[in-house]
Amino acid sequence: MCRALCAKNKLGFINGTLSKPKKVTDPLHEAWERCNDLVVSWLHNSINPTLKSSIALVDDAKQIWDELKDRFTQQNGHRIFQLKKSLTGLQQENDPVSVYFGKIKTLWDELLIYDPMPDCKCGKLSVLLDRYQRDCVIQFLMGLNDSYSISRDQIMLLDPLPPINKIFSMIQQQEMQHTMLSSIPSPESMALAVRQPYSSYKPFSKPTQQPKRDRLFCTHCKIQGHSLDNCFKAGNAQAPVCAHCHMTGHIADKCYKLHGYPPGHKLHGKAKPLGFSSANMTSLEAEDSSDNKFNFTKDQYQQLLSLLQPKEVSIANHSINHVQTDCTHSPTMNGPFVMDHDWHG
């Protein structure tokens, strides 16, 4: 309010420097009355509406101002305590230097309003002003982060200490230098970045298999790949049928008679699927090697097996034809030939 009245050149109406002319015939009497009424209107429009009734009948601006001042003036001790406590615990932390300086400067200015320095025109107050500036500089340096410890030590060696604004400029330049150095990569990091593509190179590897603990496990048959809810041995699902051997319990993709027995099986390596064409392909299995199914002796059967196992793929068809010719003219063979089921006459 004082700033607004000073801008309008009306501050003298509330501080008593422009008193009312005593004579009505004074040429300034009418002008003073007009300006006084203007200030009174500003005061009425600036206060709470509930207080207007208490000053509605007062026509003097200075009287209104003094009455409000006496009514609402309070002690500033608690506010001074809060400001000094905030100044003591204020730290920069993650704030930039400009933001930190703005916070502490605001507290200083408000503290000067509640606890102003005494006015002096003799020049002896300059000692107190110098001490106040020194305390502000020390308080500003105390709240800085440890990254400015070197600059802080160098400033404290100066005698006399520079003004607070000059010190703020020096610390801000140091902050800019820290930012520029942190943005420039070091030679060690650049060398590491160059070596990184070669050192981190790894040959192509097969995709990792799914851990066994993540696979399904049946608690009934103790077999992985399905759960108890889908176990046909427990009667919870229909048993699969193999399209090759027409047996239940597996499918053609896992048929041993079609793909061979796994290692560790008692029939592993004794019967293997032959690699002939689809028209002449047949499988010789150990369980079909009994004399009851083929009506010829064991010596003849061993001779036939030695002829059916060629050493080179290029003479496979020639060996088959030779076996067929020998078997046709042999008088001792009484049973059908192994590949007779492919003939039509």
Protein backbone atom coordinates (compact mmCIF):
# COMPACT_ATOMS: atom_id res chain seq x y z
CA MET A 1 0.00 0.00 0.00
CA CYS A 2 2.84 2.39 0.78
CA ARG A 3 4.45 1.62 -2.57
CA ALA A 4 1.20 2.38 -4.41
CA LEU A 5 0.69 5.66 -2.56
CA CYS A 6 4.29 6.68 -3.20
CA ALA A 7 3.87 6.01 -6.92
CA LYS A 8 0.86 8.34 -6.92
CA ASN A 9 2.77 10.96 -4.89
CA LYS A 10 0.24 10.63 -2.05
CA LEU A 11 2.39 9.09 0.68
CA GLY A 12 2.53 12.38 2.58
CA PHE A 13 -1.19 12.15 3.36
CA ILE A 14 -0.69 9.12 5.64
CA ASN A 15 2.72 9.85 7.19
CA GLY A 16 1.83 13.42 8.23
CA THR A 17 4.22 15.36 6.01
CA LEU A 18 1.32 17.00 4.12
CA SER A 19 -0.88 18.44 6.80
CA LYS A 20 -4.24 20.06 6.22
CA PRO A 21 -4.18 23.90 5.71
CA LYS A 22 -5.56 25.69 8.73
CA LYS A 23 -7.30 28.48 6.85
CA VAL A 24 -10.18 27.87 4.52
CA THR A 25 -9.06 30.81 2.39
CA ASP A 26 -5.74 29.09 1.66
CA PRO A 27 -5.55 28.29 -2.08
CA LEU A 28 -4.23 24.77 -1.27
CA HIS A 29 -7.13 23.93 1.01
CA GLU A 30 -9.44 22.77 -1.76
CA ALA A 31 -6.70 20.74 -3.50
CA TRP A 32 -5.75 19.05 -0.22
CA GLU A 33 -9.36 18.13 0.46
CA ARG A 34 -9.67 16.58 -2.99
CA CYS A 35 -6.48 14.52 -2.66
CA ASN A 36 -7.36 13.45 0.89
CA ASP A 37 -10.74 12.15 -0.24
CA LEU A 38 -8.98 10.19 -3.02
CA VAL A 39 -6.62 8.48 -0.54
CA VAL A 40 -9.52 7.72 1.83
CA SER A 41 -11.38 6.02 -1.05
CA TRP A 42 -8.30 3.91 -1.84
CA LEU A 43 -8.03 2.81 1.78
CA HIS A 44 -11.71 1.88 1.94
CA ASN A 45 -11.41 -0.23 -1.22
CA SER A 46 -8.26 -1.97 0.02
CA ILE A 47 -9.40 -3.26 3.42
CA ASN A 48 -11.76 -6.06 4.35
CA PRO A 49 -15.48 -5.15 3.92
CA THR A 50 -16.14 -6.10 7.57
CA LEU A 51 -13.81 -3.28 8.71
CA LYS A 52 -15.34 -0.53 6.61
CA SER A 53 -18.09 0.18 9.14
CA SER A 54 -15.52 1.05 11.83
CA ILE A 55 -13.83 3.71 9.71
CA ALA A 56 -16.75 4.83 7.57
CA LEU A 57 -17.20 8.15 9.42
CA VAL A 58 -13.48 9.08 9.49
CA ASP A 59 -12.53 11.62 6.80
CA ASP A 60 -8.81 12.10 7.47
CA ALA A 61 -6.51 9.63 5.63
CA LYS A 62 -3.76 9.90 8.27
CA GLN A 63 -6.23 9.17 11.06
CA ILE A 64 -7.52 6.06 9.26
CA TRP A 65 -3.96 4.85 8.67
CA ASP A 66 -2.90 5.34 12.29
CA GLU A 67 -6.02 3.60 13.58
CA LEU A 68 -5.47 0.55 11.39
CA LYS A 69 -1.79 0.50 12.30
CA ASP A 70 -2.49 0.51 16.02
CA ARG A 71 -5.21 -2.10 15.66
CA PHE A 72 -3.36 -4.71 13.59
CA THR A 73 0.30 -4.12 14.36
CA GLN A 74 1.80 -7.23 15.98
CA GLN A 75 5.18 -8.23 17.29
CA ASN A 76 7.55 -9.67 14.66
CA GLY A 77 9.59 -11.85 17.01
CA HIS A 78 8.04 -15.17 15.91
CA ARG A 79 8.48 -14.33 12.22
CA ILE A 80 12.11 -13.32 12.77
CA PHE A 81 12.66 -16.63 14.55
CA GLN A 82 11.17 -18.57 11.60
CA LEU A 83 13.27 -16.68 9.04
CA LYS A 84 16.54 -17.21 10.88
CA LYS A 85 15.74 -20.88 11.42
CA SER A 86 15.07 -21.30 7.69
CA LEU A 87 18.35 -19.57 6.87
CA THR A 88 20.26 -21.90 9.19
CA GLY A 89 18.90 -25.10 7.61
CA LEU A 90 18.88 -23.98 3.98
CA GLN A 91 21.09 -26.13 1.70
CA GLN A 92 21.59 -26.23 -2.05
CA GLU A 93 21.07 -30.01 -2.42
CA ASN A 94 19.81 -30.72 -5.98
CA ASP A 95 18.93 -27.12 -6.86
CA PRO A 96 20.99 -25.05 -9.31
CA VAL A 97 23.03 -22.22 -7.86
CA SER A 98 20.61 -19.60 -9.19
CA VAL A 99 17.62 -21.26 -7.51
CA TYR A 100 19.50 -21.66 -4.25
CA PHE A 101 20.62 -18.03 -4.29
CA GLY A 102 17.05 -16.88 -5.01
CA LYS A 103 15.74 -18.72 -1.95
CA ILE A 104 18.33 -17.35 0.42
CA LYS A 105 18.06 -13.81 -0.99
CA THR A 106 14.30 -13.83 -0.39
CA LEU A 107 14.81 -14.74 3.26
CA TRP A 108 17.41 -12.00 3.68
CA ASP A 109 15.15 -9.32 2.22
CA GLU A 110 12.18 -10.32 4.35
CA LEU A 111 14.35 -10.38 7.45
CA LEU A 112 15.48 -6.82 6.75
CA ILE A 113 11.84 -5.72 6.66
CA TYR A 114 11.07 -7.15 10.12
CA ASP A 115 14.50 -6.38 11.60
CA PRO A 116 15.90 -3.39 9.65
CA MET A 117 19.30 -1.87 10.07
CA PRO A 118 19.30 1.48 11.96
CA ASP A 119 19.64 4.69 9.97
CA CYS A 120 22.88 6.58 10.39
CA LYS A 121 24.30 9.61 8.61
CA CYS A 122 27.58 9.95 10.50
CA GLY A 123 29.30 7.06 8.73
CA LYS A 124 29.90 4.93 11.81
CA LEU A 125 27.30 2.38 10.70
CA SER A 126 29.54 1.17 7.84
CA VAL A 127 31.23 -1.30 10.20
CA LEU A 128 27.92 -2.99 10.94
CA LEU A 129 27.04 -3.07 7.24
CA ASP A 130 30.35 -4.73 6.41
CA ARG A 131 29.78 -7.36 9.06
CA TYR A 132 26.29 -7.99 7.75
CA GLN A 133 27.62 -8.48 4.20
CA ARG A 134 30.31 -10.84 5.54
CA ASP A 135 27.72 -12.91 7.39
CA CYS A 136 25.62 -13.19 4.20
CA VAL A 137 28.63 -14.37 2.20
CA ILE A 138 29.55 -17.01 4.80
CA GLN A 139 25.96 -18.22 5.03
CA PHE A 140 25.73 -18.54 1.24
CA LEU A 141 28.98 -20.52 1.03
CA MET A 142 27.96 -22.82 3.90
CA GLY A 143 24.87 -24.01 2.01
CA LEU A 144 26.72 -24.93 -1.20
CA ASN A 145 27.38 -28.55 -2.14
CA ASP A 146 30.75 -30.19 -1.57
CA SER A 147 31.58 -29.94 -5.28
CA TYR A 148 32.29 -26.23 -4.72
CA SER A 149 34.64 -26.81 -1.78
CA ILE A 150 37.73 -25.65 -3.71
CA SER A 151 36.07 -22.41 -4.82
CA ARG A 152 34.74 -21.88 -1.31
CA ASP A 153 38.23 -22.19 0.21
CA GLN A 154 39.69 -19.77 -2.34
CA ILE A 155 36.98 -17.17 -1.66
CA MET A 156 37.49 -17.36 2.09
CA LEU A 157 41.18 -16.51 1.60
CA LEU A 158 40.29 -13.16 0.01
CA ASP A 159 40.62 -10.07 2.16
CA PRO A 160 38.32 -8.22 2.10
CA LEU A 161 35.55 -10.52 0.95
CA PRO A 162 33.80 -9.51 -2.29
CA PRO A 163 30.12 -8.52 -2.22
CA ILE A 164 27.55 -11.27 -2.22
CA ASN A 165 26.48 -10.59 -5.82
CA LYS A 166 30.07 -10.92 -7.04
CA ILE A 167 30.51 -14.21 -5.21
CA PHE A 168 27.27 -15.51 -6.71
CA SER A 169 28.63 -14.70 -10.17
CA MET A 170 31.86 -16.59 -9.43
CA ILE A 171 30.02 -19.69 -8.17
CA GLN A 172 27.68 -19.65 -11.17
CA GLN A 173 30.67 -19.62 -13.54
CA GLN A 174 32.08 -22.59 -11.66
CA GLU A 175 28.77 -24.40 -12.08
CA MET A 176 28.84 -23.81 -15.84
CA GLN A 177 32.37 -25.20 -15.98
CA HIS A 178 31.29 -28.33 -14.10
CA THR A 179 28.41 -28.82 -16.53
CA MET A 180 30.68 -28.51 -19.57
CA LEU A 181 33.26 -30.94 -18.16
CA SER A 182 30.61 -33.51 -17.29
CA SER A 183 29.19 -33.39 -20.83
CA ILE A 184 32.61 -34.06 -22.46
CA PRO A 185 33.45 -37.81 -22.39
CA SER A 186 36.78 -38.76 -20.90
CA PRO A 187 39.49 -40.51 -23.01
CA GLU A 188 39.00 -43.71 -21.00
CA SER A 189 35.27 -43.79 -21.74
CA MET A 190 35.90 -43.08 -25.45
CA ALA A 191 38.42 -45.91 -25.65
CA LEU A 192 35.97 -48.21 -23.91
CA ALA A 193 33.23 -47.23 -26.36
CA VAL A 194 35.55 -48.08 -29.28
CA ARG A 195 36.44 -51.47 -27.82
CA GLN A 196 32.90 -52.26 -26.78
CA PRO A 197 31.61 -53.70 -30.13
CA TYR A 198 34.53 -56.13 -30.33
CA SER A 199 34.65 -57.14 -26.71
CA SER A 200 30.92 -57.68 -26.47
CA TYR A 201 30.76 -59.77 -29.65
CA LYS A 202 29.41 -63.25 -29.09
CA PRO A 203 29.02 -66.03 -31.67
CA PHE A 204 25.61 -67.17 -32.66
CA SER A 205 24.24 -69.56 -30.14
CA LYS A 206 21.23 -71.76 -30.12
CA PRO A 207 18.20 -70.43 -28.34
CA THR A 208 18.11 -71.54 -24.78
CA GLN A 209 15.72 -74.29 -24.05
CA GLN A 210 12.92 -73.84 -21.65
CA PRO A 211 13.92 -74.93 -18.13
CA LYS A 212 12.55 -78.26 -17.10
CA ARG A 213 10.98 -76.79 -14.02
CA ASP A 214 8.71 -74.70 -16.24
CA ARG A 215 7.43 -77.71 -18.20
CA LEU A 216 4.25 -79.57 -17.36
CA PHE A 217 4.62 -82.63 -15.16
CA CYS A 218 2.08 -85.35 -14.49
CA THR A 219 1.92 -86.56 -10.90
CA HIS A 220 0.22 -89.81 -11.95
CA CYS A 221 2.53 -91.27 -14.59
CA LYS A 222 5.60 -89.18 -13.61
CA ILE A 223 6.12 -87.99 -17.21
CA GLN A 224 6.78 -84.42 -18.37
CA GLY A 225 4.89 -82.79 -21.21
CA HIS A 226 1.38 -82.96 -19.77
CA SER A 227 -0.48 -82.52 -16.50
CA LEU A 228 -2.78 -84.75 -14.50
CA ASP A 229 -5.82 -83.08 -16.05
CA ASN A 230 -4.70 -84.25 -19.54
CA CYS A 231 -3.30 -87.68 -18.57
CA PHE A 232 -4.98 -90.47 -20.55
CA LYS A 233 -3.46 -93.11 -18.24
CA ALA A 234 -5.45 -91.65 -15.37
CA GLY A 235 -8.60 -91.63 -17.50
CA ASN A 236 -8.82 -87.85 -17.82
CA ALA A 237 -8.35 -87.78 -21.60
CA GLN A 238 -8.64 -90.02 -24.65
CA ALA A 239 -5.48 -91.95 -25.48
CA PRO A 240 -3.79 -90.93 -28.76
CA VAL A 241 -3.49 -93.46 -31.63
CA CYS A 242 -0.36 -93.77 -33.80
CA ALA A 243 -1.06 -93.47 -37.52
CA HIS A 244 1.92 -95.73 -38.33
CA CYS A 245 1.70 -98.71 -36.01
CA HIS A 246 -1.95 -98.14 -34.97
CA MET A 247 -1.04 -98.48 -31.29
CA THR A 248 -2.47 -96.31 -28.53
CA GLY A 249 -0.39 -94.16 -26.20
CA HIS A 250 1.67 -92.17 -28.71
CA ILE A 251 1.50 -90.42 -32.08
CA ALA A 252 3.42 -90.96 -35.32
CA ASP A 253 5.91 -88.16 -34.53
CA LYS A 254 7.11 -90.14 -31.50
CA CYS A 255 6.78 -93.67 -32.89
CA TYR A 256 9.92 -95.74 -32.23
CA LYS A 257 9.08 -98.16 -35.06
CA LEU A 258 9.09 -95.27 -37.51
CA HIS A 259 11.97 -93.14 -36.21
CA GLY A 260 14.11 -95.72 -34.40
CA TYR A 261 14.55 -96.61 -30.75
CA PRO A 262 16.30 -94.09 -28.49
CA PRO A 263 19.67 -94.78 -26.83
CA GLY A 264 19.34 -96.96 -23.76
CA HIS A 265 16.46 -99.00 -25.19
CA LYS A 266 17.04 -102.73 -25.48
CA LEU A 267 16.23 -102.62 -29.20
CA HIS A 268 18.37 -99.54 -29.94
CA GLY A 269 20.58 -100.15 -33.00
CA LYS A 270 19.09 -103.54 -33.84
CA ALA A 271 16.43 -102.25 -36.23
CA LYS A 272 16.77 -99.05 -38.26
CA PRO A 273 14.51 -97.57 -40.93
CA LEU A 274 16.00 -98.05 -44.39
CA GLY A 275 16.53 -95.08 -46.71
CA PHE A 276 15.01 -96.48 -49.92
CA SER A 277 12.36 -94.81 -52.08
CA SER A 278 8.79 -94.65 -50.87
CA ALA A 279 7.71 -97.31 -53.36
CA ASN A 280 10.25 -99.92 -52.19
CA MET A 281 10.78 -98.81 -48.54
CA THR A 282 10.39 -101.42 -45.84
CA SER A 283 11.42 -101.65 -42.19
CA LEU A 284 13.09 -104.65 -40.66
CA GLU A 285 12.53 -104.79 -36.90
CA ALA A 286 13.87 -107.12 -34.30
CA GLU A 287 10.46 -108.27 -33.13
CA ASP A 288 9.58 -109.38 -36.71
CA SER A 289 12.71 -111.52 -37.10
CA SER A 290 11.23 -114.78 -35.81
CA ASP A 291 11.06 -117.93 -37.92
CA ASN A 292 7.29 -118.09 -37.59
CA LYS A 293 6.74 -115.07 -39.89
CA PHE A 294 9.33 -115.91 -42.58
CA ASN A 295 9.39 -119.56 -43.70
CA PHE A 296 13.16 -119.92 -44.32
CA THR A 297 16.14 -120.89 -42.22
CA LYS A 298 18.26 -118.58 -40.10
CA ASP A 299 21.28 -118.98 -42.38
CA GLN A 300 19.22 -117.84 -45.33
CA TYR A 301 17.89 -114.89 -43.35
CA GLN A 302 21.42 -113.81 -42.34
CA GLN A 303 22.53 -114.07 -45.95
CA LEU A 304 19.59 -111.93 -47.00
CA LEU A 305 20.45 -109.27 -44.39
CA SER A 306 24.06 -109.07 -45.61
CA LEU A 307 22.81 -108.45 -49.12
CA LEU A 308 20.27 -105.79 -48.03
CA GLN A 309 22.87 -103.62 -46.28
CA PRO A 310 24.86 -101.87 -49.09
CA LYS A 311 28.03 -99.91 -48.32
CA GLU A 312 27.37 -97.18 -50.86
CA VAL A 313 24.12 -95.48 -51.81
CA SER A 314 24.94 -95.55 -55.51
CA ILE A 315 24.66 -99.40 -55.68
CA ALA A 316 21.59 -99.71 -53.46
CA ASN A 317 19.15 -100.44 -56.30
CA HIS A 318 21.60 -102.91 -57.89
CA SER A 319 21.87 -104.82 -54.61
CA ILE A 320 18.10 -105.00 -54.29
CA ASN A 321 17.71 -106.38 -57.80
CA HIS A 322 20.49 -108.95 -57.13
CA VAL A 323 18.74 -110.10 -53.98
CA GLN A 324 15.45 -110.44 -55.83
CA THR A 325 17.11 -112.54 -58.57
CA ASP A 326 18.82 -114.85 -56.05
CA CYS A 327 15.69 -115.30 -54.06
CA THR A 328 13.62 -116.14 -57.16
CA HIS A 329 15.99 -118.94 -58.33
CA SER A 330 16.75 -120.34 -54.89
CA PRO A 331 15.04 -123.73 -54.45
CA THR A 332 15.37 -123.65 -50.67
CA MET A 333 13.17 -120.62 -50.03
CA ASN A 334 9.64 -121.76 -49.24
CA GLY A 335 8.20 -118.50 -47.84
CA PRO A 336 7.36 -115.14 -49.44
CA PHE A 337 10.06 -112.57 -49.96
CA VAL A 338 10.21 -109.49 -47.72
CA MET A 339 9.21 -107.12 -50.48
CA ASP A 340 6.56 -109.37 -52.03
CA HIS A 341 3.82 -107.13 -50.67
CA ASP A 342 4.89 -104.43 -53.18
CA TRP A 343 4.35 -106.72 -56.20
CA HIS A 344 1.11 -106.79 -58.16
CA GLY A 345 1.58 -110.16 -59.95
